Amino acid sequence: MTGSKREEPVRLTRIYTRSGDHGETSLGDGSRVGKTDPLIAAIGAVDELNAALGLALAAELPGRLREPLERVQNELFDLGADLSVPPSTESRERLRMEPDRIESLEHLCDDLNAGLEPLKSFVLPGAGEGSARLHLARAICRRAEREVLTAVREREQNSLLGIYLNRLSDLLFICARVAGAGEERLWRPGG
């Protein structure tokens, strides 16, 4: 992401504003859109994904997963900021997804996957609580990716947003495997 780093990027003194009571909400550039707009659905799905990652981090996870997942939570806020401000908005302070964030996810996928046994079947979620929560976050990530791709098709948006979420879902699958190592259950055709 690019943009200025401020110690206090947001100040909320009152949580309710009443400005959305009639089905509209504001984007980061001040424009108003309906709450059913595909862009708002995408922002909401990214928010839900971030909450699911928080739920996963509240479980017992291998220590080497914590820092990367906490970093991803911050990046998801940046991704939401990128979504909420049209790319045509000129400002050096606007956060934008950059290729280096995707490359970082790819390196992390490679590093974590190197220590895992090769897969010979599909993995059934449920190899411990932390692993199951990461599988849930992965499924939510896939939905967020679909929502973002829908929003990108309907209006000008940063094309890297969907790519980031695609890589993130891969990372979450690998993290779920790391968290469930030794307890994984594999799919067997016909049960």
C-alpha atoms as a PDB file:
ATOM      1  CA  MET A   1       0.000   0.000   0.000  1.00  0.00           C
ATOM      2  CA  THR A   2       1.118   3.513  -0.596  1.00  0.00           C
ATOM      3  CA  GLY A   3       0.062   6.579   1.259  1.00  0.00           C
ATOM      4  CA  SER A   4       1.122   8.569   4.253  1.00  0.00           C
ATOM      5  CA  LYS A   5       1.412   6.848   7.593  1.00  0.00           C
ATOM      6  CA  ARG A   6      -0.306   8.786  10.282  1.00  0.00           C
ATOM      7  CA  GLU A   7      -0.341   7.840  13.930  1.00  0.00           C
ATOM      8  CA  GLU A   8      -4.040   8.623  14.070  1.00  0.00           C
ATOM      9  CA  PRO A   9      -5.607   7.837  10.689  1.00  0.00           C
ATOM     10  CA  VAL A  10      -9.179   7.928  12.012  1.00  0.00           C
ATOM     11  CA  ARG A  11     -10.850   9.700  14.903  1.00  0.00           C
ATOM     12  CA  LEU A  12     -14.353   8.618  15.839  1.00  0.00           C
ATOM     13  CA  THR A  13     -15.936  10.637  18.587  1.00  0.00           C
ATOM     14  CA  ARG A  14     -19.468   9.383  17.996  1.00  0.00           C
ATOM     15  CA  ILE A  15     -20.256   5.984  16.500  1.00  0.00           C
ATOM     16  CA  TYR A  16     -23.771   6.634  15.248  1.00  0.00           C
ATOM     17  CA  THR A  17     -24.277   9.422  12.719  1.00  0.00           C
ATOM     18  CA  ARG A  18     -27.830   8.812  11.430  1.00  0.00           C
ATOM     19  CA  SER A  19     -26.500   9.570   7.935  1.00  0.00           C
ATOM     20  CA  GLY A  20     -27.199   6.006   6.809  1.00  0.00           C
ATOM     21  CA  ASP A  21     -30.735   5.756   8.113  1.00  0.00           C
ATOM     22  CA  HIS A  22     -32.204   6.025   4.620  1.00  0.00           C
ATOM     23  CA  GLY A  23     -30.140   3.302   2.978  1.00  0.00           C
ATOM     24  CA  GLU A  24     -27.104   5.270   1.831  1.00  0.00           C
ATOM     25  CA  THR A  25     -23.541   5.486   3.063  1.00  0.00           C
ATOM     26  CA  SER A  26     -20.492   7.584   2.275  1.00  0.00           C
ATOM     27  CA  LEU A  27     -17.417   6.432   0.421  1.00  0.00           C
ATOM     28  CA  GLY A  28     -13.934   7.644   1.291  1.00  0.00           C
ATOM     29  CA  ASP A  29     -14.131  10.451  -1.275  1.00  0.00           C
ATOM     30  CA  GLY A  30     -17.351  11.786   0.269  1.00  0.00           C
ATOM     31  CA  SER A  31     -19.697  10.494  -2.439  1.00  0.00           C
ATOM     32  CA  ARG A  32     -22.867   8.677  -1.333  1.00  0.00           C
ATOM     33  CA  VAL A  33     -24.005   5.270  -2.557  1.00  0.00           C
ATOM     34  CA  GLY A  34     -26.775   2.871  -1.639  1.00  0.00           C
ATOM     35  CA  LYS A  35     -25.959   0.289   1.013  1.00  0.00           C
ATOM     36  CA  THR A  36     -26.961  -2.403  -1.488  1.00  0.00           C
ATOM     37  CA  ASP A  37     -24.351  -1.208  -4.002  1.00  0.00           C
ATOM     38  CA  PRO A  38     -21.936  -4.025  -4.981  1.00  0.00           C
ATOM     39  CA  LEU A  39     -19.046  -1.886  -3.759  1.00  0.00           C
ATOM     40  CA  ILE A  40     -20.550  -1.761  -0.261  1.00  0.00           C
ATOM     41  CA  ALA A  41     -21.103  -5.540  -0.405  1.00  0.00           C
ATOM     42  CA  ALA A  42     -17.403  -5.931  -1.243  1.00  0.00           C
ATOM     43  CA  ILE A  43     -16.301  -3.640   1.584  1.00  0.00           C
ATOM     44  CA  GLY A  44     -18.595  -5.537   3.970  1.00  0.00           C
ATOM     45  CA  ALA A  45     -17.217  -8.927   2.902  1.00  0.00           C
ATOM     46  CA  VAL A  46     -13.653  -7.690   3.480  1.00  0.00           C
ATOM     47  CA  ASP A  47     -14.729  -6.451   6.917  1.00  0.00           C
ATOM     48  CA  GLU A  48     -16.282  -9.843   7.689  1.00  0.00           C
ATOM     49  CA  LEU A  49     -13.053 -11.536   6.595  1.00  0.00           C
ATOM     50  CA  ASN A  50     -11.073  -9.328   8.959  1.00  0.00           C
ATOM     51  CA  ALA A  51     -13.406 -10.278  11.817  1.00  0.00           C
ATOM     52  CA  ALA A  52     -12.992 -13.975  10.947  1.00  0.00           C
ATOM     53  CA  LEU A  53      -9.215 -13.551  11.089  1.00  0.00           C
ATOM     54  CA  GLY A  54      -9.625 -11.968  14.518  1.00  0.00           C
ATOM     55  CA  LEU A  55     -11.634 -15.009  15.577  1.00  0.00           C
ATOM     56  CA  ALA A  56      -8.881 -17.291  14.285  1.00  0.00           C
ATOM     57  CA  LEU A  57      -6.224 -15.278  16.123  1.00  0.00           C
ATOM     58  CA  ALA A  58      -8.239 -15.633  19.337  1.00  0.00           C
ATOM     59  CA  ALA A  59      -7.711 -19.420  19.098  1.00  0.00           C
ATOM     60  CA  GLU A  60      -4.534 -21.297  19.842  1.00  0.00           C
ATOM     61  CA  LEU A  61      -2.357 -21.091  16.743  1.00  0.00           C
ATOM     62  CA  PRO A  62       1.289 -21.874  16.046  1.00  0.00           C
ATOM     63  CA  GLY A  63       3.358 -18.807  16.928  1.00  0.00           C
ATOM     64  CA  ARG A  64       4.763 -18.419  13.417  1.00  0.00           C
ATOM     65  CA  LEU A  65       1.263 -17.700  12.069  1.00  0.00           C
ATOM     66  CA  ARG A  66       0.409 -14.833  14.424  1.00  0.00           C
ATOM     67  CA  GLU A  67       2.551 -11.998  13.045  1.00  0.00           C
ATOM     68  CA  PRO A  68       1.668 -12.650   9.380  1.00  0.00           C
ATOM     69  CA  LEU A  69      -2.059 -12.917  10.154  1.00  0.00           C
ATOM     70  CA  GLU A  70      -1.988  -9.737  12.232  1.00  0.00           C
ATOM     71  CA  ARG A  71      -0.216  -7.988   9.345  1.00  0.00           C
ATOM     72  CA  VAL A  72      -2.904  -9.277   6.963  1.00  0.00           C
ATOM     73  CA  GLN A  73      -5.597  -7.793   9.216  1.00  0.00           C
ATOM     74  CA  ASN A  74      -3.994  -4.367   8.809  1.00  0.00           C
ATOM     75  CA  GLU A  75      -3.650  -4.881   5.065  1.00  0.00           C
ATOM     76  CA  LEU A  76      -7.365  -5.715   4.851  1.00  0.00           C
ATOM     77  CA  PHE A  77      -8.172  -2.313   6.363  1.00  0.00           C
ATOM     78  CA  ASP A  78      -5.916  -0.790   3.703  1.00  0.00           C
ATOM     79  CA  LEU A  79      -7.678  -2.844   1.022  1.00  0.00           C
ATOM     80  CA  GLY A  80     -11.034  -1.549   2.272  1.00  0.00           C
ATOM     81  CA  ALA A  81      -9.685   1.995   2.106  1.00  0.00           C
ATOM     82  CA  ASP A  82      -8.559   1.378  -1.480  1.00  0.00           C
ATOM     83  CA  LEU A  83     -12.048   0.085  -2.337  1.00  0.00           C
ATOM     84  CA  SER A  84     -13.783   3.058  -0.732  1.00  0.00           C
ATOM     85  CA  VAL A  85     -11.926   5.714  -2.729  1.00  0.00           C
ATOM     86  CA  PRO A  86     -12.205   5.623  -6.541  1.00  0.00           C
ATOM     87  CA  PRO A  87      -8.798   5.349  -8.250  1.00  0.00           C
ATOM     88  CA  SER A  88      -9.484   8.615 -10.079  1.00  0.00           C
ATOM     89  CA  THR A  89      -9.342  10.443  -6.722  1.00  0.00           C
ATOM     90  CA  GLU A  90      -6.069  12.354  -6.650  1.00  0.00           C
ATOM     91  CA  SER A  91      -4.291  12.360  -3.333  1.00  0.00           C
ATOM     92  CA  ARG A  92      -0.980  11.140  -2.034  1.00  0.00           C
ATOM     93  CA  GLU A  93      -2.726  10.142   1.187  1.00  0.00           C
ATOM     94  CA  ARG A  94      -4.919   7.481  -0.452  1.00  0.00           C
ATOM     95  CA  LEU A  95      -3.991   3.890   0.315  1.00  0.00           C
ATOM     96  CA  ARG A  96      -3.611   1.695  -2.753  1.00  0.00           C
ATOM     97  CA  MET A  97      -2.821  -1.988  -3.065  1.00  0.00           C
ATOM     98  CA  GLU A  98       0.612  -2.475  -4.596  1.00  0.00           C
ATOM     99  CA  PRO A  99       2.193  -5.589  -6.172  1.00  0.00           C
ATOM    100  CA  ASP A 100       4.669  -5.988  -3.283  1.00  0.00           C
ATOM    101  CA  ARG A 101       1.792  -6.960  -0.911  1.00  0.00           C
ATOM    102  CA  ILE A 102       0.836  -9.807  -3.272  1.00  0.00           C
ATOM    103  CA  GLU A 103       4.465 -10.895  -3.604  1.00  0.00           C
ATOM    104  CA  SER A 104       4.759 -10.936   0.185  1.00  0.00           C
ATOM    105  CA  LEU A 105       1.761 -13.293   0.412  1.00  0.00           C
ATOM    106  CA  GLU A 106       3.303 -15.548  -2.248  1.00  0.00           C
ATOM    107  CA  HIS A 107       6.609 -15.760  -0.351  1.00  0.00           C
ATOM    108  CA  LEU A 108       4.770 -16.566   2.846  1.00  0.00           C
ATOM    109  CA  CYS A 109       2.756 -19.285   1.065  1.00  0.00           C
ATOM    110  CA  ASP A 110       5.980 -20.843  -0.243  1.00  0.00           C
ATOM    111  CA  ASP A 111       7.710 -20.687   3.150  1.00  0.00           C
ATOM    112  CA  LEU A 112       4.821 -22.198   5.116  1.00  0.00           C
ATOM    113  CA  ASN A 113       3.933 -24.810   2.502  1.00  0.00           C
ATOM    114  CA  ALA A 114       7.522 -26.085   2.308  1.00  0.00           C
ATOM    115  CA  GLY A 115       7.138 -27.788   5.700  1.00  0.00           C
ATOM    116  CA  LEU A 116       3.861 -29.556   4.891  1.00  0.00           C
ATOM    117  CA  GLU A 117       3.286 -33.010   3.464  1.00  0.00           C
ATOM    118  CA  PRO A 118       2.097 -32.942  -0.160  1.00  0.00           C
ATOM    119  CA  LEU A 119      -1.661 -33.285  -0.446  1.00  0.00           C
ATOM    120  CA  LYS A 120      -3.107 -36.497  -1.834  1.00  0.00           C
ATOM    121  CA  SER A 121      -6.754 -35.584  -1.241  1.00  0.00           C
ATOM    122  CA  PHE A 122      -8.974 -32.667  -0.266  1.00  0.00           C
ATOM    123  CA  VAL A 123      -8.730 -31.477   3.331  1.00  0.00           C
ATOM    124  CA  LEU A 124     -11.834 -31.586   5.506  1.00  0.00           C
ATOM    125  CA  PRO A 125     -11.977 -28.555   7.840  1.00  0.00           C
ATOM    126  CA  GLY A 126     -11.864 -29.392  11.525  1.00  0.00           C
ATOM    127  CA  ALA A 127      -8.327 -30.396  12.517  1.00  0.00           C
ATOM    128  CA  GLY A 128      -8.522 -28.432  15.746  1.00  0.00           C
ATOM    129  CA  GLU A 129     -10.230 -25.162  16.554  1.00  0.00           C
ATOM    130  CA  GLY A 130      -7.555 -22.837  15.144  1.00  0.00           C
ATOM    131  CA  SER A 131      -7.401 -24.749  11.881  1.00  0.00           C
ATOM    132  CA  ALA A 132     -11.204 -24.796  11.557  1.00  0.00           C
ATOM    133  CA  ARG A 133     -11.383 -21.030  12.154  1.00  0.00           C
ATOM    134  CA  LEU A 134      -8.742 -20.458   9.468  1.00  0.00           C
ATOM    135  CA  HIS A 135     -10.724 -22.627   7.021  1.00  0.00           C
ATOM    136  CA  LEU A 136     -13.792 -20.490   7.766  1.00  0.00           C
ATOM    137  CA  ALA A 137     -11.732 -17.333   7.130  1.00  0.00           C
ATOM    138  CA  ARG A 138     -10.556 -18.893   3.838  1.00  0.00           C
ATOM    139  CA  ALA A 139     -14.146 -19.506   2.721  1.00  0.00           C
ATOM    140  CA  ILE A 140     -15.104 -15.929   3.656  1.00  0.00           C
ATOM    141  CA  CYS A 141     -12.040 -14.711   1.752  1.00  0.00           C
ATOM    142  CA  ARG A 142     -13.238 -16.503  -1.386  1.00  0.00           C
ATOM    143  CA  ARG A 143     -16.603 -14.763  -1.067  1.00  0.00           C
ATOM    144  CA  ALA A 144     -14.916 -11.406  -0.475  1.00  0.00           C
ATOM    145  CA  GLU A 145     -12.900 -11.994  -3.636  1.00  0.00           C
ATOM    146  CA  ARG A 146     -16.096 -12.632  -5.624  1.00  0.00           C
ATOM    147  CA  GLU A 147     -17.722  -9.501  -4.180  1.00  0.00           C
ATOM    148  CA  VAL A 148     -14.644  -7.395  -5.007  1.00  0.00           C
ATOM    149  CA  LEU A 149     -14.513  -8.770  -8.556  1.00  0.00           C
ATOM    150  CA  THR A 150     -18.185  -7.863  -9.018  1.00  0.00           C
ATOM    151  CA  ALA A 151     -17.512  -4.321  -7.777  1.00  0.00           C
ATOM    152  CA  VAL A 152     -14.430  -4.007 -10.000  1.00  0.00           C
ATOM    153  CA  ARG A 153     -16.518  -4.952 -13.060  1.00  0.00           C
ATOM    154  CA  GLU A 154     -19.109  -2.276 -12.315  1.00  0.00           C
ATOM    155  CA  ARG A 155     -16.824   0.684 -11.614  1.00  0.00           C
ATOM    156  CA  GLU A 156     -13.241   1.770 -11.887  1.00  0.00           C
ATOM    157  CA  GLN A 157     -11.251  -0.010  -9.159  1.00  0.00           C
ATOM    158  CA  ASN A 158      -7.717  -1.184  -8.506  1.00  0.00           C
ATOM    159  CA  SER A 159      -7.386  -4.542 -10.318  1.00  0.00           C
ATOM    160  CA  LEU A 160      -4.876  -5.788  -7.714  1.00  0.00           C
ATOM    161  CA  LEU A 161      -7.579  -6.061  -5.030  1.00  0.00           C
ATOM    162  CA  GLY A 162      -8.997  -9.336  -6.362  1.00  0.00           C
ATOM    163  CA  ILE A 163      -5.525 -10.750  -6.916  1.00  0.00           C
ATOM    164  CA  TYR A 164      -4.567  -9.962  -3.308  1.00  0.00           C
ATOM    165  CA  LEU A 165      -7.652 -11.772  -2.008  1.00  0.00           C
ATOM    166  CA  ASN A 166      -6.992 -14.728  -4.297  1.00  0.00           C
ATOM    167  CA  ARG A 167      -3.475 -15.121  -2.857  1.00  0.00           C
ATOM    168  CA  LEU A 168      -4.770 -14.538   0.657  1.00  0.00           C
ATOM    169  CA  SER A 169      -7.240 -17.422   0.335  1.00  0.00           C
ATOM    170  CA  ASP A 170      -4.313 -19.649  -0.699  1.00  0.00           C
ATOM    171  CA  LEU A 171      -2.349 -18.451   2.320  1.00  0.00           C
ATOM    172  CA  LEU A 172      -5.276 -19.100   4.659  1.00  0.00           C
ATOM    173  CA  PHE A 173      -5.588 -22.654   3.338  1.00  0.00           C
ATOM    174  CA  ILE A 174      -1.898 -23.237   4.010  1.00  0.00           C
ATOM    175  CA  CYS A 175      -2.165 -21.627   7.467  1.00  0.00           C
ATOM    176  CA  ALA A 176      -5.117 -23.902   8.279  1.00  0.00           C
ATOM    177  CA  ARG A 177      -2.973 -26.884   7.309  1.00  0.00           C
ATOM    178  CA  VAL A 178      -0.080 -25.635   9.459  1.00  0.00           C
ATOM    179  CA  ALA A 179      -2.448 -25.117  12.400  1.00  0.00           C
ATOM    180  CA  GLY A 180      -3.919 -28.594  11.959  1.00  0.00           C
ATOM    181  CA  ALA A 181      -0.678 -30.438  11.198  1.00  0.00           C
ATOM    182  CA  GLY A 182      -0.867 -33.997  12.426  1.00  0.00           C
ATOM    183  CA  GLU A 183      -4.650 -33.848  12.884  1.00  0.00           C
ATOM    184  CA  GLU A 184      -5.810 -33.284   9.302  1.00  0.00           C
ATOM    185  CA  ARG A 185      -8.704 -35.304   8.041  1.00  0.00           C
ATOM    186  CA  LEU A 186      -8.793 -35.997   4.318  1.00  0.00           C
ATOM    187  CA  TRP A 187     -11.791 -36.418   2.069  1.00  0.00           C
ATOM    188  CA  ARG A 188     -12.608 -39.981   1.066  1.00  0.00           C
ATOM    189  CA  PRO A 189     -14.884 -40.397  -1.956  1.00  0.00           C
ATOM    190  CA  GLY A 190     -18.195 -41.894  -0.881  1.00  0.00           C
ATOM    191  CA  GLY A 191     -17.547 -41.117   2.819  1.00  0.00           C
END
